Amino acid sequence: MTAPVRRSTTAAYYAQAVISFGVSVLAMGIGIAYLSAGAWIRAFLALGLLYVVTSAFTLAKVIRDRLDEDQVVSRVDRARLDKLLAEHDPFRVDTP
């Protein structure tokens, strides 16, 4: 009755996103490690980088969960409408 959910991302797009994320975190890590500053400053920047990465993952998860929730609500509404349309008989005459 319902069509399966079609994936909109390809394997190449997924791989590109993973590689891009890995390269950016690695580049920032190397940049912080070779920064000509004290250990405390480098540690602070590394902690900031860790915070940005974890908050980005959290934001992505929240957005994904909200989209999934919207899809479920849409499917339930569609199922209710399909049921009402299936039960409706336009040629039925109500007799008193």
C-alpha atoms as a PDB file:
ATOM      1  CA  MET A   1       0.000   0.000   0.000  1.00  0.00           C
ATOM      2  CA  THR A   2       2.820   2.425   0.811  1.00  0.00           C
ATOM      3  CA  ALA A   3       5.879   2.834  -1.347  1.00  0.00           C
ATOM      4  CA  PRO A   4       9.260   2.173   0.280  1.00  0.00           C
ATOM      5  CA  VAL A   5      11.304   5.192   1.241  1.00  0.00           C
ATOM      6  CA  ARG A   6      13.749   6.041  -1.517  1.00  0.00           C
ATOM      7  CA  ARG A   7      17.241   7.112  -0.491  1.00  0.00           C
ATOM      8  CA  SER A   8      18.211  10.458  -1.961  1.00  0.00           C
ATOM      9  CA  THR A   9      21.978  10.278  -1.398  1.00  0.00           C
ATOM     10  CA  THR A  10      24.373   8.202  -3.435  1.00  0.00           C
ATOM     11  CA  ALA A  11      27.392   6.292  -2.190  1.00  0.00           C
ATOM     12  CA  ALA A  12      29.710   8.786  -3.887  1.00  0.00           C
ATOM     13  CA  TYR A  13      28.049  11.727  -2.129  1.00  0.00           C
ATOM     14  CA  TYR A  14      28.310   9.920   1.209  1.00  0.00           C
ATOM     15  CA  ALA A  15      31.997   9.121   0.614  1.00  0.00           C
ATOM     16  CA  GLN A  16      32.705  12.720  -0.388  1.00  0.00           C
ATOM     17  CA  ALA A  17      31.075  14.014   2.789  1.00  0.00           C
ATOM     18  CA  VAL A  18      33.020  11.593   4.996  1.00  0.00           C
ATOM     19  CA  ILE A  19      36.333  12.353   3.293  1.00  0.00           C
ATOM     20  CA  SER A  20      35.701  16.098   3.442  1.00  0.00           C
ATOM     21  CA  PHE A  21      34.926  15.892   7.147  1.00  0.00           C
ATOM     22  CA  GLY A  22      38.039  13.798   7.826  1.00  0.00           C
ATOM     23  CA  VAL A  23      40.311  16.128   5.867  1.00  0.00           C
ATOM     24  CA  SER A  24      38.946  19.238   7.589  1.00  0.00           C
ATOM     25  CA  VAL A  25      39.326  17.809  11.099  1.00  0.00           C
ATOM     26  CA  LEU A  26      42.806  16.480  10.277  1.00  0.00           C
ATOM     27  CA  ALA A  27      43.893  19.832   8.808  1.00  0.00           C
ATOM     28  CA  MET A  28      42.624  21.713  11.841  1.00  0.00           C
ATOM     29  CA  GLY A  29      44.345  19.246  14.167  1.00  0.00           C
ATOM     30  CA  ILE A  30      47.658  19.622  12.334  1.00  0.00           C
ATOM     31  CA  GLY A  31      47.237  23.405  12.272  1.00  0.00           C
ATOM     32  CA  ILE A  32      46.657  23.502  16.012  1.00  0.00           C
ATOM     33  CA  ALA A  33      49.554  21.125  16.712  1.00  0.00           C
ATOM     34  CA  TYR A  34      52.065  23.190  14.724  1.00  0.00           C
ATOM     35  CA  LEU A  35      50.765  26.568  15.908  1.00  0.00           C
ATOM     36  CA  SER A  36      53.556  28.686  17.340  1.00  0.00           C
ATOM     37  CA  ALA A  37      51.816  29.290  20.645  1.00  0.00           C
ATOM     38  CA  GLY A  38      51.888  27.900  24.142  1.00  0.00           C
ATOM     39  CA  ALA A  39      50.560  24.495  25.092  1.00  0.00           C
ATOM     40  CA  TRP A  40      47.596  26.047  26.904  1.00  0.00           C
ATOM     41  CA  ILE A  41      46.497  27.954  23.809  1.00  0.00           C
ATOM     42  CA  ARG A  42      46.825  24.874  21.619  1.00  0.00           C
ATOM     43  CA  ALA A  43      44.861  22.809  24.161  1.00  0.00           C
ATOM     44  CA  PHE A  44      42.135  25.472  24.277  1.00  0.00           C
ATOM     45  CA  LEU A  45      41.861  25.511  20.478  1.00  0.00           C
ATOM     46  CA  ALA A  46      41.788  21.707  20.354  1.00  0.00           C
ATOM     47  CA  LEU A  47      38.966  21.675  22.892  1.00  0.00           C
ATOM     48  CA  GLY A  48      37.131  24.294  20.822  1.00  0.00           C
ATOM     49  CA  LEU A  49      37.537  22.131  17.732  1.00  0.00           C
ATOM     50  CA  LEU A  50      36.192  19.106  19.618  1.00  0.00           C
ATOM     51  CA  TYR A  51      33.198  21.143  20.793  1.00  0.00           C
ATOM     52  CA  VAL A  52      32.423  22.345  17.265  1.00  0.00           C
ATOM     53  CA  VAL A  53      32.629  18.797  15.875  1.00  0.00           C
ATOM     54  CA  THR A  54      30.364  17.294  18.549  1.00  0.00           C
ATOM     55  CA  SER A  55      27.827  20.107  18.253  1.00  0.00           C
ATOM     56  CA  ALA A  56      27.779  19.652  14.464  1.00  0.00           C
ATOM     57  CA  PHE A  57      26.981  15.948  14.932  1.00  0.00           C
ATOM     58  CA  THR A  58      24.247  16.814  17.413  1.00  0.00           C
ATOM     59  CA  LEU A  59      22.725  19.391  15.069  1.00  0.00           C
ATOM     60  CA  ALA A  60      22.768  16.930  12.164  1.00  0.00           C
ATOM     61  CA  LYS A  61      21.049  14.289  14.326  1.00  0.00           C
ATOM     62  CA  VAL A  62      18.366  16.715  15.490  1.00  0.00           C
ATOM     63  CA  ILE A  63      17.628  17.802  11.919  1.00  0.00           C
ATOM     64  CA  ARG A  64      17.487  14.178  10.759  1.00  0.00           C
ATOM     65  CA  ASP A  65      15.168  13.202  13.621  1.00  0.00           C
ATOM     66  CA  ARG A  66      12.825  16.111  12.872  1.00  0.00           C
ATOM     67  CA  LEU A  67      12.655  15.160   9.193  1.00  0.00           C
ATOM     68  CA  ASP A  68      11.975  11.514  10.103  1.00  0.00           C
ATOM     69  CA  GLU A  69       9.214  12.618  12.475  1.00  0.00           C
ATOM     70  CA  ASP A  70       7.639  14.786   9.782  1.00  0.00           C
ATOM     71  CA  GLN A  71       7.714  11.854   7.351  1.00  0.00           C
ATOM     72  CA  VAL A  72       6.000   9.568   9.878  1.00  0.00           C
ATOM     73  CA  VAL A  73       3.275  12.139  10.569  1.00  0.00           C
ATOM     74  CA  SER A  74       2.803  12.613   6.831  1.00  0.00           C
ATOM     75  CA  ARG A  75       2.488   8.858   6.313  1.00  0.00           C
ATOM     76  CA  VAL A  76      -0.069   8.525   9.115  1.00  0.00           C
ATOM     77  CA  ASP A  77      -2.128  11.392   7.676  1.00  0.00           C
ATOM     78  CA  ARG A  78      -1.941   9.846   4.230  1.00  0.00           C
ATOM     79  CA  ALA A  79      -3.028   6.449   5.577  1.00  0.00           C
ATOM     80  CA  ARG A  80      -6.021   8.059   7.298  1.00  0.00           C
ATOM     81  CA  LEU A  81      -6.995   9.847   4.097  1.00  0.00           C
ATOM     82  CA  ASP A  82      -6.609   6.635   2.066  1.00  0.00           C
ATOM     83  CA  LYS A  83      -8.858   4.809   4.540  1.00  0.00           C
ATOM     84  CA  LEU A  84     -11.521   7.531   4.375  1.00  0.00           C
ATOM     85  CA  LEU A  85     -11.442   7.534   0.581  1.00  0.00           C
ATOM     86  CA  ALA A  86     -11.637   3.736   0.436  1.00  0.00           C
ATOM     87  CA  GLU A  87     -14.649   3.662   2.765  1.00  0.00           C
ATOM     88  CA  HIS A  88     -16.479   6.501   1.009  1.00  0.00           C
ATOM     89  CA  ASP A  89     -19.189   5.472  -1.433  1.00  0.00           C
ATOM     90  CA  PRO A  90     -20.359   8.466  -3.493  1.00  0.00           C
ATOM     91  CA  PHE A  91     -23.392   6.559  -4.791  1.00  0.00           C
ATOM     92  CA  ARG A  92     -24.730   5.546  -1.399  1.00  0.00           C
ATOM     93  CA  VAL A  93     -28.103   7.020  -0.549  1.00  0.00           C
ATOM     94  CA  ASP A  94     -28.880   7.590   3.105  1.00  0.00           C
ATOM     95  CA  THR A  95     -32.462   6.565   3.806  1.00  0.00           C
ATOM     96  CA  PRO A  96     -34.241   7.892   6.883  1.00  0.00           C
END
